[in-house]
């Protein structure tokens, strides 16, 4: 139910929801019209209005076929509808023909004040320097493919060096191959101005577990980034600052390990509250993530005992 997803997004501080492929029919067909809804009883204008009243923007998925056939007018139509962004699907890459085409489509979206997220095999090569409406891209084996924890520890040293990536995080899917604390921590480790959360999840899957506050509060733009420790394919700890708050993520591969997280990046002489979200078999929730809050400063070194495929997330803010 679209309204249930919008209500969930509003409750958890998300900015947008996405209606993915097939909302306008067979996305692989040139006969499909990406200006017409193919789902029965799906009143898209009313849904966009409902989302706007809740402070939520709507993105639409559009496959390459419809983009190729309709891009000259499509983005202007979506602007008139109140759509905020378009996720390009299954684009062709590499050749001069398709490179010039996709840059034209990004420009057409920019002219209509529509944001863009390019998915599937496309790789960033600097286009965001020209077109700021291109917020992110896939070009990554993301969570929809259910990679293991070792894969996740490789990505910060490889794909993310090329630019922002939409990893399509899952949280409640029984198919994820990491712990839930690992999933939480990835939001601080992986950079993207637009990041899809709760992929494959439904509002009914959630019991508003307390650890979700980490995702509720985490921003997508940063004033400072520190990679505190790491080794490709082994583990990584990344700390990111937005204003006077820090968000720290630590993950390991499929091996358990004990790490230490030094907080010497904090402002000296100041006290902070650190809420730590870590795997805890004794936690009362089915996600088995425990929370604790401690006072820390720049001299503090926190323990990070990580289960195999596990992780730890930390939210730091000045103590009052």
C-alpha atoms as a PDB file:
ATOM      1  CA  UNK A   1       0.000   0.000   0.000  1.00  0.00           C
ATOM      2  CA  UNK A   2       1.512   3.279  -1.147  1.00  0.00           C
ATOM      3  CA  UNK A   3       0.140   5.310   1.755  1.00  0.00           C
ATOM      4  CA  UNK A   4       1.536   2.843   4.300  1.00  0.00           C
ATOM      5  CA  UNK A   5       4.973   3.253   2.730  1.00  0.00           C
ATOM      6  CA  UNK A   6       4.624   7.032   2.827  1.00  0.00           C
ATOM      7  CA  UNK A   7       3.565   6.923   6.485  1.00  0.00           C
ATOM      8  CA  UNK A   8       6.560   4.708   7.303  1.00  0.00           C
ATOM      9  CA  UNK A   9       8.900   7.093   5.483  1.00  0.00           C
ATOM     10  CA  UNK A  10       7.517  10.088   7.360  1.00  0.00           C
ATOM     11  CA  UNK A  11       7.771   8.298  10.710  1.00  0.00           C
ATOM     12  CA  UNK A  12      11.415   7.418  10.115  1.00  0.00           C
ATOM     13  CA  UNK A  13      12.642  10.727   8.758  1.00  0.00           C
ATOM     14  CA  UNK A  14      13.090   9.628   5.146  1.00  0.00           C
ATOM     15  CA  UNK A  15      12.800  12.214   2.390  1.00  0.00           C
ATOM     16  CA  UNK A  16      11.517  10.152  -0.539  1.00  0.00           C
ATOM     17  CA  UNK A  17       9.791   6.979  -1.615  1.00  0.00           C
ATOM     18  CA  UNK A  18      10.346   5.200  -4.927  1.00  0.00           C
ATOM     19  CA  UNK A  19       7.820   3.414  -7.092  1.00  0.00           C
ATOM     20  CA  UNK A  20       9.940   0.837  -8.861  1.00  0.00           C
ATOM     21  CA  UNK A  21       9.571  -0.802 -12.246  1.00  0.00           C
ATOM     22  CA  UNK A  22       6.324  -2.063 -13.794  1.00  0.00           C
ATOM     23  CA  UNK A  23       4.233   0.744 -12.321  1.00  0.00           C
ATOM     24  CA  UNK A  24       3.610   1.729 -15.961  1.00  0.00           C
ATOM     25  CA  UNK A  25       3.541  -1.824 -17.366  1.00  0.00           C
ATOM     26  CA  UNK A  26       6.136  -3.995 -19.069  1.00  0.00           C
ATOM     27  CA  UNK A  27       9.246  -1.869 -18.577  1.00  0.00           C
ATOM     28  CA  UNK A  28      11.169  -3.782 -21.271  1.00  0.00           C
ATOM     29  CA  UNK A  29       8.634  -2.998 -23.961  1.00  0.00           C
ATOM     30  CA  UNK A  30       8.774   0.015 -26.255  1.00  0.00           C
ATOM     31  CA  UNK A  31       4.982  -0.100 -26.199  1.00  0.00           C
ATOM     32  CA  UNK A  32       4.840   0.781 -22.507  1.00  0.00           C
ATOM     33  CA  UNK A  33       3.907   4.403 -21.857  1.00  0.00           C
ATOM     34  CA  UNK A  34       5.727   5.866 -18.839  1.00  0.00           C
ATOM     35  CA  UNK A  35       3.066   8.560 -18.493  1.00  0.00           C
ATOM     36  CA  UNK A  36       0.281   6.079 -17.765  1.00  0.00           C
ATOM     37  CA  UNK A  37      -0.199   3.998 -14.625  1.00  0.00           C
ATOM     38  CA  UNK A  38      -0.739   0.284 -15.310  1.00  0.00           C
ATOM     39  CA  UNK A  39      -1.611  -0.775 -11.747  1.00  0.00           C
ATOM     40  CA  UNK A  40      -5.346  -0.985 -10.937  1.00  0.00           C
ATOM     41  CA  UNK A  41      -6.614   1.414  -8.250  1.00  0.00           C
ATOM     42  CA  UNK A  42      -3.270   3.238  -8.167  1.00  0.00           C
ATOM     43  CA  UNK A  43      -4.139   6.939  -8.204  1.00  0.00           C
ATOM     44  CA  UNK A  44      -0.674   8.374  -8.690  1.00  0.00           C
ATOM     45  CA  UNK A  45      -1.660  12.079  -8.568  1.00  0.00           C
ATOM     46  CA  UNK A  46      -3.501  11.506  -5.281  1.00  0.00           C
ATOM     47  CA  UNK A  47      -0.574   9.517  -3.902  1.00  0.00           C
ATOM     48  CA  UNK A  48       1.863  12.298  -4.818  1.00  0.00           C
ATOM     49  CA  UNK A  49      -0.390  14.820  -3.062  1.00  0.00           C
ATOM     50  CA  UNK A  50      -0.649  12.597   0.016  1.00  0.00           C
ATOM     51  CA  UNK A  51       3.137  12.232   0.104  1.00  0.00           C
ATOM     52  CA  UNK A  52       3.657  15.988  -0.315  1.00  0.00           C
ATOM     53  CA  UNK A  53       1.330  16.678   2.621  1.00  0.00           C
ATOM     54  CA  UNK A  54       3.498  14.320   4.702  1.00  0.00           C
ATOM     55  CA  UNK A  55       6.719  16.023   3.604  1.00  0.00           C
ATOM     56  CA  UNK A  56       7.732  13.096   1.376  1.00  0.00           C
ATOM     57  CA  UNK A  57       8.835  13.362  -2.251  1.00  0.00           C
ATOM     58  CA  UNK A  58       8.086  10.729  -4.891  1.00  0.00           C
ATOM     59  CA  UNK A  59      10.583   9.161  -7.295  1.00  0.00           C
ATOM     60  CA  UNK A  60       9.603   7.009 -10.281  1.00  0.00           C
ATOM     61  CA  UNK A  61      11.536   4.198 -11.964  1.00  0.00           C
ATOM     62  CA  UNK A  62      11.700   4.412 -15.758  1.00  0.00           C
ATOM     63  CA  UNK A  63      13.414   1.779 -17.873  1.00  0.00           C
ATOM     64  CA  UNK A  64      15.694   2.524 -20.826  1.00  0.00           C
ATOM     65  CA  UNK A  65      13.040   1.777 -23.444  1.00  0.00           C
ATOM     66  CA  UNK A  66      10.652   4.463 -22.212  1.00  0.00           C
ATOM     67  CA  UNK A  67      13.488   6.895 -21.591  1.00  0.00           C
ATOM     68  CA  UNK A  68      14.707   6.431 -25.147  1.00  0.00           C
ATOM     69  CA  UNK A  69      11.254   6.889 -26.630  1.00  0.00           C
ATOM     70  CA  UNK A  70       9.865   9.616 -24.368  1.00  0.00           C
ATOM     71  CA  UNK A  71      12.692  11.611 -22.751  1.00  0.00           C
ATOM     72  CA  UNK A  72      12.026  14.732 -24.869  1.00  0.00           C
ATOM     73  CA  UNK A  73       8.753  15.308 -22.978  1.00  0.00           C
ATOM     74  CA  UNK A  74       8.793  12.841 -20.068  1.00  0.00           C
ATOM     75  CA  UNK A  75      10.659  14.908 -17.476  1.00  0.00           C
ATOM     76  CA  UNK A  76       8.525  17.977 -18.095  1.00  0.00           C
ATOM     77  CA  UNK A  77       5.443  15.803 -17.559  1.00  0.00           C
ATOM     78  CA  UNK A  78       6.836  14.453 -14.298  1.00  0.00           C
ATOM     79  CA  UNK A  79       7.662  17.972 -13.139  1.00  0.00           C
ATOM     80  CA  UNK A  80       4.031  18.933 -13.727  1.00  0.00           C
ATOM     81  CA  UNK A  81       2.952  15.891 -11.695  1.00  0.00           C
ATOM     82  CA  UNK A  82       5.166  16.920  -8.782  1.00  0.00           C
ATOM     83  CA  UNK A  83       7.637  14.040  -9.146  1.00  0.00           C
ATOM     84  CA  UNK A  84      11.025  14.775  -7.560  1.00  0.00           C
ATOM     85  CA  UNK A  85      13.302  12.261  -9.255  1.00  0.00           C
ATOM     86  CA  UNK A  86      13.660   9.483 -11.816  1.00  0.00           C
ATOM     87  CA  UNK A  87      15.589   6.273 -11.411  1.00  0.00           C
ATOM     88  CA  UNK A  88      16.997   5.215 -14.805  1.00  0.00           C
ATOM     89  CA  UNK A  89      16.893   1.450 -15.260  1.00  0.00           C
ATOM     90  CA  UNK A  90      18.895  -0.973 -17.403  1.00  0.00           C
ATOM     91  CA  UNK A  91      20.716   1.686 -19.411  1.00  0.00           C
ATOM     92  CA  UNK A  92      23.315   0.758 -22.029  1.00  0.00           C
ATOM     93  CA  UNK A  93      26.900   1.741 -21.308  1.00  0.00           C
ATOM     94  CA  UNK A  94      30.275   2.154 -22.960  1.00  0.00           C
ATOM     95  CA  UNK A  95      29.656   3.168 -26.553  1.00  0.00           C
ATOM     96  CA  UNK A  96      29.653   6.730 -27.865  1.00  0.00           C
ATOM     97  CA  UNK A  97      26.012   6.368 -28.836  1.00  0.00           C
ATOM     98  CA  UNK A  98      24.800   5.444 -25.381  1.00  0.00           C
ATOM     99  CA  UNK A  99      27.153   7.801 -23.566  1.00  0.00           C
ATOM    100  CA  UNK A 100      25.903  10.814 -25.493  1.00  0.00           C
ATOM    101  CA  UNK A 101      22.303   9.630 -25.092  1.00  0.00           C
ATOM    102  CA  UNK A 102      22.471   9.278 -21.324  1.00  0.00           C
ATOM    103  CA  UNK A 103      24.165  12.646 -20.919  1.00  0.00           C
ATOM    104  CA  UNK A 104      21.351  14.160 -22.972  1.00  0.00           C
ATOM    105  CA  UNK A 105      18.771  12.476 -20.724  1.00  0.00           C
ATOM    106  CA  UNK A 106      20.491  13.758 -17.569  1.00  0.00           C
ATOM    107  CA  UNK A 107      20.481  17.280 -19.059  1.00  0.00           C
ATOM    108  CA  UNK A 108      16.804  16.998 -19.988  1.00  0.00           C
ATOM    109  CA  UNK A 109      16.019  15.965 -16.427  1.00  0.00           C
ATOM    110  CA  UNK A 110      18.055  18.907 -15.104  1.00  0.00           C
ATOM    111  CA  UNK A 111      16.124  21.303 -17.327  1.00  0.00           C
ATOM    112  CA  UNK A 112      12.927  20.040 -15.673  1.00  0.00           C
ATOM    113  CA  UNK A 113      14.458  20.210 -12.164  1.00  0.00           C
ATOM    114  CA  UNK A 114      14.237  16.425 -11.846  1.00  0.00           C
ATOM    115  CA  UNK A 115      16.851  14.486  -9.849  1.00  0.00           C
ATOM    116  CA  UNK A 116      18.421  11.327 -11.310  1.00  0.00           C
ATOM    117  CA  UNK A 117      19.631   7.979  -9.971  1.00  0.00           C
ATOM    118  CA  UNK A 118      21.135   5.717 -12.659  1.00  0.00           C
ATOM    119  CA  UNK A 119      20.909   2.006 -11.937  1.00  0.00           C
ATOM    120  CA  UNK A 120      22.358  -1.259 -13.183  1.00  0.00           C
ATOM    121  CA  UNK A 121      25.685  -1.408 -15.068  1.00  0.00           C
ATOM    122  CA  UNK A 122      26.450   2.267 -15.623  1.00  0.00           C
ATOM    123  CA  UNK A 123      29.739   3.489 -14.098  1.00  0.00           C
ATOM    124  CA  UNK A 124      30.369   7.089 -13.008  1.00  0.00           C
ATOM    125  CA  UNK A 125      33.112   8.924 -14.898  1.00  0.00           C
ATOM    126  CA  UNK A 126      32.699  12.460 -13.621  1.00  0.00           C
ATOM    127  CA  UNK A 127      29.222  13.335 -14.879  1.00  0.00           C
ATOM    128  CA  UNK A 128      28.202  14.634 -11.428  1.00  0.00           C
ATOM    129  CA  UNK A 129      30.719  17.437 -11.807  1.00  0.00           C
ATOM    130  CA  UNK A 130      28.617  18.744 -14.699  1.00  0.00           C
ATOM    131  CA  UNK A 131      25.106  17.694 -13.696  1.00  0.00           C
ATOM    132  CA  UNK A 132      24.399  18.145  -9.949  1.00  0.00           C
ATOM    133  CA  UNK A 133      20.937  16.640 -10.372  1.00  0.00           C
ATOM    134  CA  UNK A 134      22.677  13.276 -10.896  1.00  0.00           C
ATOM    135  CA  UNK A 135      22.692  12.399  -7.213  1.00  0.00           C
ATOM    136  CA  UNK A 136      23.949   8.845  -7.349  1.00  0.00           C
ATOM    137  CA  UNK A 137      24.209   5.667  -9.411  1.00  0.00           C
ATOM    138  CA  UNK A 138      24.262   1.953  -8.891  1.00  0.00           C
ATOM    139  CA  UNK A 139      27.058   0.300 -10.847  1.00  0.00           C
ATOM    140  CA  UNK A 140      27.520  -1.909  -7.819  1.00  0.00           C
ATOM    141  CA  UNK A 141      26.589  -5.367  -6.602  1.00  0.00           C
ATOM    142  CA  UNK A 142      24.207  -4.011  -4.020  1.00  0.00           C
ATOM    143  CA  UNK A 143      22.032  -5.536  -1.367  1.00  0.00           C
ATOM    144  CA  UNK A 144      19.360  -6.600  -3.825  1.00  0.00           C
ATOM    145  CA  UNK A 145      21.892  -9.266  -4.891  1.00  0.00           C
ATOM    146  CA  UNK A 146      22.455 -10.280  -1.247  1.00  0.00           C
ATOM    147  CA  UNK A 147      26.292 -10.224  -1.265  1.00  0.00           C
ATOM    148  CA  UNK A 148      28.219 -11.465   1.739  1.00  0.00           C
ATOM    149  CA  UNK A 149      30.053  -9.416   4.345  1.00  0.00           C
ATOM    150  CA  UNK A 150      33.438  -9.848   2.670  1.00  0.00           C
ATOM    151  CA  UNK A 151      32.081  -8.183  -0.462  1.00  0.00           C
ATOM    152  CA  UNK A 152      30.866  -5.292   1.662  1.00  0.00           C
ATOM    153  CA  UNK A 153      34.353  -4.753   3.109  1.00  0.00           C
ATOM    154  CA  UNK A 154      35.841  -4.563  -0.404  1.00  0.00           C
ATOM    155  CA  UNK A 155      33.504  -1.890  -1.781  1.00  0.00           C
ATOM    156  CA  UNK A 156      34.852   1.102   0.226  1.00  0.00           C
ATOM    157  CA  UNK A 157      38.282   0.485  -1.324  1.00  0.00           C
ATOM    158  CA  UNK A 158      37.004  -0.068  -4.893  1.00  0.00           C
ATOM    159  CA  UNK A 159      33.608   1.069  -6.193  1.00  0.00           C
ATOM    160  CA  UNK A 160      33.232   3.948  -3.751  1.00  0.00           C
ATOM    161  CA  UNK A 161      36.493   5.463  -4.940  1.00  0.00           C
ATOM    162  CA  UNK A 162      34.707   6.179  -8.236  1.00  0.00           C
ATOM    163  CA  UNK A 163      31.857   8.078  -6.608  1.00  0.00           C
ATOM    164  CA  UNK A 164      28.571   7.755  -4.782  1.00  0.00           C
ATOM    165  CA  UNK A 165      26.694   4.467  -5.056  1.00  0.00           C
ATOM    166  CA  UNK A 166      23.131   3.418  -4.270  1.00  0.00           C
ATOM    167  CA  UNK A 167      23.541   0.098  -2.480  1.00  0.00           C
ATOM    168  CA  UNK A 168      19.776  -0.541  -2.038  1.00  0.00           C
ATOM    169  CA  UNK A 169      19.982  -1.503   1.625  1.00  0.00           C
ATOM    170  CA  UNK A 170      17.715  -4.190   3.003  1.00  0.00           C
ATOM    171  CA  UNK A 171      16.990  -4.582   6.686  1.00  0.00           C
ATOM    172  CA  UNK A 172      14.238  -7.082   7.359  1.00  0.00           C
ATOM    173  CA  UNK A 173      14.685  -9.452   4.431  1.00  0.00           C
ATOM    174  CA  UNK A 174      15.474 -12.970   5.687  1.00  0.00           C
ATOM    175  CA  UNK A 175      17.891 -13.304   2.753  1.00  0.00           C
ATOM    176  CA  UNK A 176      20.469 -10.783   3.991  1.00  0.00           C
ATOM    177  CA  UNK A 177      23.813 -12.456   4.675  1.00  0.00           C
ATOM    178  CA  UNK A 178      25.022 -10.129   7.408  1.00  0.00           C
ATOM    179  CA  UNK A 179      23.840  -9.164  10.863  1.00  0.00           C
ATOM    180  CA  UNK A 180      21.484  -6.246  11.303  1.00  0.00           C
ATOM    181  CA  UNK A 181      24.125  -4.169  13.082  1.00  0.00           C
ATOM    182  CA  UNK A 182      26.295  -4.654   9.975  1.00  0.00           C
ATOM    183  CA  UNK A 183      23.464  -3.257   7.852  1.00  0.00           C
ATOM    184  CA  UNK A 184      23.059  -0.242  10.123  1.00  0.00           C
ATOM    185  CA  UNK A 185      26.783   0.526  10.023  1.00  0.00           C
ATOM    186  CA  UNK A 186      26.937   0.463   6.221  1.00  0.00           C
ATOM    187  CA  UNK A 187      24.929   3.694   6.081  1.00  0.00           C
ATOM    188  CA  UNK A 188      27.899   5.518   7.634  1.00  0.00           C
ATOM    189  CA  UNK A 189      30.530   3.646   5.629  1.00  0.00           C
ATOM    190  CA  UNK A 190      28.960   3.945   2.172  1.00  0.00           C
ATOM    191  CA  UNK A 191      28.610   7.446   0.725  1.00  0.00           C
ATOM    192  CA  UNK A 192      25.705   8.551  -1.407  1.00  0.00           C
ATOM    193  CA  UNK A 193      23.680  11.793  -1.362  1.00  0.00           C
ATOM    194  CA  UNK A 194      20.705   9.573  -2.128  1.00  0.00           C
ATOM    195  CA  UNK A 195      20.663   6.111  -0.575  1.00  0.00           C
ATOM    196  CA  UNK A 196      17.805   3.630  -0.861  1.00  0.00           C
ATOM    197  CA  UNK A 197      16.918   2.115   2.517  1.00  0.00           C
ATOM    198  CA  UNK A 198      14.528  -0.760   3.292  1.00  0.00           C
ATOM    199  CA  UNK A 199      14.814  -2.322  -0.172  1.00  0.00           C
ATOM    200  CA  UNK A 200      12.630  -5.477  -0.318  1.00  0.00           C
ATOM    201  CA  UNK A 201      11.136  -4.456   3.062  1.00  0.00           C
ATOM    202  CA  UNK A 202       7.520  -3.577   3.795  1.00  0.00           C
ATOM    203  CA  UNK A 203       6.173  -1.384   6.597  1.00  0.00           C
ATOM    204  CA  UNK A 204       4.462  -4.466   8.057  1.00  0.00           C
ATOM    205  CA  UNK A 205       7.898  -6.083   8.500  1.00  0.00           C
ATOM    206  CA  UNK A 206       8.935  -3.407  10.967  1.00  0.00           C
ATOM    207  CA  UNK A 207       8.194  -3.150  14.655  1.00  0.00           C
ATOM    208  CA  UNK A 208       9.976   0.198  14.845  1.00  0.00           C
ATOM    209  CA  UNK A 209      12.946  -1.438  16.526  1.00  0.00           C
ATOM    210  CA  UNK A 210      14.879   1.096  18.639  1.00  0.00           C
ATOM    211  CA  UNK A 211      18.094   0.757  16.618  1.00  0.00           C
ATOM    212  CA  UNK A 212      16.341   2.253  13.581  1.00  0.00           C
ATOM    213  CA  UNK A 213      17.004   5.659  15.144  1.00  0.00           C
ATOM    214  CA  UNK A 214      20.515   5.406  13.665  1.00  0.00           C
ATOM    215  CA  UNK A 215      19.053   5.371  10.146  1.00  0.00           C
ATOM    216  CA  UNK A 216      16.371   7.881  11.187  1.00  0.00           C
ATOM    217  CA  UNK A 217      19.024  10.417  12.169  1.00  0.00           C
ATOM    218  CA  UNK A 218      21.855   9.779   9.730  1.00  0.00           C
ATOM    219  CA  UNK A 219      22.258  12.486   7.063  1.00  0.00           C
ATOM    220  CA  UNK A 220      23.403  11.929   3.491  1.00  0.00           C
ATOM    221  CA  UNK A 221      25.798  14.861   3.184  1.00  0.00           C
ATOM    222  CA  UNK A 222      28.888  15.355   5.300  1.00  0.00           C
ATOM    223  CA  UNK A 223      31.219  18.075   6.523  1.00  0.00           C
ATOM    224  CA  UNK A 224      34.088  15.717   7.316  1.00  0.00           C
ATOM    225  CA  UNK A 225      35.025  12.068   6.755  1.00  0.00           C
ATOM    226  CA  UNK A 226      37.680   9.984   8.518  1.00  0.00           C
ATOM    227  CA  UNK A 227      38.580   6.398   7.628  1.00  0.00           C
ATOM    228  CA  UNK A 228      39.857   5.250  11.003  1.00  0.00           C
ATOM    229  CA  UNK A 229      41.074   1.768  10.115  1.00  0.00           C
ATOM    230  CA  UNK A 230      40.568  -0.948   7.563  1.00  0.00           C
ATOM    231  CA  UNK A 231      41.901  -3.551   5.174  1.00  0.00           C
ATOM    232  CA  UNK A 232      40.198  -4.531   1.879  1.00  0.00           C
ATOM    233  CA  UNK A 233      38.158  -7.678   2.295  1.00  0.00           C
ATOM    234  CA  UNK A 234      38.760  -7.712   6.054  1.00  0.00           C
ATOM    235  CA  UNK A 235      37.203  -4.810   7.977  1.00  0.00           C
ATOM    236  CA  UNK A 236      36.731  -1.055   7.995  1.00  0.00           C
ATOM    237  CA  UNK A 237      35.753   1.757  10.383  1.00  0.00           C
ATOM    238  CA  UNK A 238      34.566   5.080   8.943  1.00  0.00           C
ATOM    239  CA  UNK A 239      33.539   8.190  10.881  1.00  0.00           C
ATOM    240  CA  UNK A 240      31.564  11.004   9.271  1.00  0.00           C
ATOM    241  CA  UNK A 241      30.609  14.376  10.746  1.00  0.00           C
ATOM    242  CA  UNK A 242      27.559  16.503  10.001  1.00  0.00           C
ATOM    243  CA  UNK A 243      27.544  19.693  12.061  1.00  0.00           C
ATOM    244  CA  UNK A 244      28.479  18.751  15.626  1.00  0.00           C
ATOM    245  CA  UNK A 245      27.372  15.111  15.329  1.00  0.00           C
ATOM    246  CA  UNK A 246      29.376  12.089  14.208  1.00  0.00           C
ATOM    247  CA  UNK A 247      28.168   8.792  12.771  1.00  0.00           C
ATOM    248  CA  UNK A 248      30.586   5.878  12.863  1.00  0.00           C
ATOM    249  CA  UNK A 249      30.304   2.498  11.171  1.00  0.00           C
ATOM    250  CA  UNK A 250      32.454  -0.596  11.652  1.00  0.00           C
ATOM    251  CA  UNK A 251      32.009  -3.877   9.770  1.00  0.00           C
ATOM    252  CA  UNK A 252      33.920  -7.114   9.461  1.00  0.00           C
ATOM    253  CA  UNK A 253      33.988  -9.823   6.817  1.00  0.00           C
ATOM    254  CA  UNK A 254      32.751 -13.357   7.436  1.00  0.00           C
ATOM    255  CA  UNK A 255      35.262 -13.706  10.297  1.00  0.00           C
ATOM    256  CA  UNK A 256      34.625 -12.544  13.839  1.00  0.00           C
ATOM    257  CA  UNK A 257      37.194 -10.132  15.255  1.00  0.00           C
ATOM    258  CA  UNK A 258      37.803  -7.675  18.079  1.00  0.00           C
ATOM    259  CA  UNK A 259      38.592  -4.104  17.077  1.00  0.00           C
ATOM    260  CA  UNK A 260      39.100  -0.873  18.962  1.00  0.00           C
ATOM    261  CA  UNK A 261      37.592   2.438  17.837  1.00  0.00           C
ATOM    262  CA  UNK A 262      39.585   5.446  19.026  1.00  0.00           C
ATOM    263  CA  UNK A 263      37.537   8.636  19.249  1.00  0.00           C
ATOM    264  CA  UNK A 264      40.484  10.999  18.913  1.00  0.00           C
ATOM    265  CA  UNK A 265      38.731  12.728  15.999  1.00  0.00           C
ATOM    266  CA  UNK A 266      36.329  14.375  18.490  1.00  0.00           C
ATOM    267  CA  UNK A 267      36.848  17.983  19.564  1.00  0.00           C
ATOM    268  CA  UNK A 268      39.307  17.958  22.465  1.00  0.00           C
ATOM    269  CA  UNK A 269      38.017  18.917  25.890  1.00  0.00           C
ATOM    270  CA  UNK A 270      34.378  18.255  25.026  1.00  0.00           C
ATOM    271  CA  UNK A 271      32.063  15.563  26.332  1.00  0.00           C
ATOM    272  CA  UNK A 272      29.877  13.566  23.974  1.00  0.00           C
ATOM    273  CA  UNK A 273      27.094  11.048  24.313  1.00  0.00           C
ATOM    274  CA  UNK A 274      27.751   7.911  22.277  1.00  0.00           C
ATOM    275  CA  UNK A 275      24.893   5.542  21.488  1.00  0.00           C
ATOM    276  CA  UNK A 276      26.338   2.241  20.372  1.00  0.00           C
ATOM    277  CA  UNK A 277      24.322  -0.175  18.241  1.00  0.00           C
ATOM    278  CA  UNK A 278      25.871  -3.643  18.259  1.00  0.00           C
ATOM    279  CA  UNK A 279      24.974  -7.255  17.664  1.00  0.00           C
ATOM    280  CA  UNK A 280      23.611  -8.738  20.882  1.00  0.00           C
ATOM    281  CA  UNK A 281      22.140 -12.253  21.012  1.00  0.00           C
ATOM    282  CA  UNK A 282      20.376 -11.272  24.237  1.00  0.00           C
ATOM    283  CA  UNK A 283      18.610  -8.264  22.725  1.00  0.00           C
ATOM    284  CA  UNK A 284      14.798  -8.489  23.062  1.00  0.00           C
ATOM    285  CA  UNK A 285      14.098  -7.753  19.384  1.00  0.00           C
ATOM    286  CA  UNK A 286      14.173 -10.236  16.529  1.00  0.00           C
ATOM    287  CA  UNK A 287      16.903  -8.142  14.895  1.00  0.00           C
ATOM    288  CA  UNK A 288      19.175  -8.819  17.900  1.00  0.00           C
ATOM    289  CA  UNK A 289      20.711  -5.359  18.026  1.00  0.00           C
ATOM    290  CA  UNK A 290      21.512  -3.991  21.462  1.00  0.00           C
ATOM    291  CA  UNK A 291      21.757  -0.292  22.378  1.00  0.00           C
ATOM    292  CA  UNK A 292      23.756   1.427  25.084  1.00  0.00           C
ATOM    293  CA  UNK A 293      24.665   5.079  25.643  1.00  0.00           C
ATOM    294  CA  UNK A 294      27.892   6.197  27.338  1.00  0.00           C
ATOM    295  CA  UNK A 295      29.722   9.483  27.909  1.00  0.00           C
ATOM    296  CA  UNK A 296      32.923   9.763  25.903  1.00  0.00           C
ATOM    297  CA  UNK A 297      35.549  12.264  24.843  1.00  0.00           C
ATOM    298  CA  UNK A 298      38.496  12.447  22.443  1.00  0.00           C
ATOM    299  CA  UNK A 299      40.572  10.219  24.756  1.00  0.00           C
ATOM    300  CA  UNK A 300      38.018   7.370  24.733  1.00  0.00           C
ATOM    301  CA  UNK A 301      38.736   4.097  22.960  1.00  0.00           C
ATOM    302  CA  UNK A 302      35.662   1.928  22.484  1.00  0.00           C
ATOM    303  CA  UNK A 303      35.698  -1.836  22.135  1.00  0.00           C
ATOM    304  CA  UNK A 304      34.125  -3.292  19.010  1.00  0.00           C
ATOM    305  CA  UNK A 305      33.712  -7.061  19.397  1.00  0.00           C
ATOM    306  CA  UNK A 306      32.311  -8.105  16.019  1.00  0.00           C
ATOM    307  CA  UNK A 307      30.468 -11.313  15.248  1.00  0.00           C
ATOM    308  CA  UNK A 308      31.169 -12.988  11.943  1.00  0.00           C
ATOM    309  CA  UNK A 309      29.534 -10.825   9.228  1.00  0.00           C
ATOM    310  CA  UNK A 310      28.740  -8.358  11.980  1.00  0.00           C
ATOM    311  CA  UNK A 311      29.104  -4.687  12.648  1.00  0.00           C
ATOM    312  CA  UNK A 312      28.757  -1.795  15.033  1.00  0.00           C
ATOM    313  CA  UNK A 313      27.278   1.671  14.557  1.00  0.00           C
ATOM    314  CA  UNK A 314      27.823   4.698  16.804  1.00  0.00           C
ATOM    315  CA  UNK A 315      25.943   7.992  17.002  1.00  0.00           C
ATOM    316  CA  UNK A 316      27.887  10.754  18.751  1.00  0.00           C
ATOM    317  CA  UNK A 317      26.508  14.142  19.778  1.00  0.00           C
ATOM    318  CA  UNK A 318      27.639  16.794  22.296  1.00  0.00           C
ATOM    319  CA  UNK A 319      26.582  16.081  25.876  1.00  0.00           C
ATOM    320  CA  UNK A 320      24.306  18.717  27.372  1.00  0.00           C
END
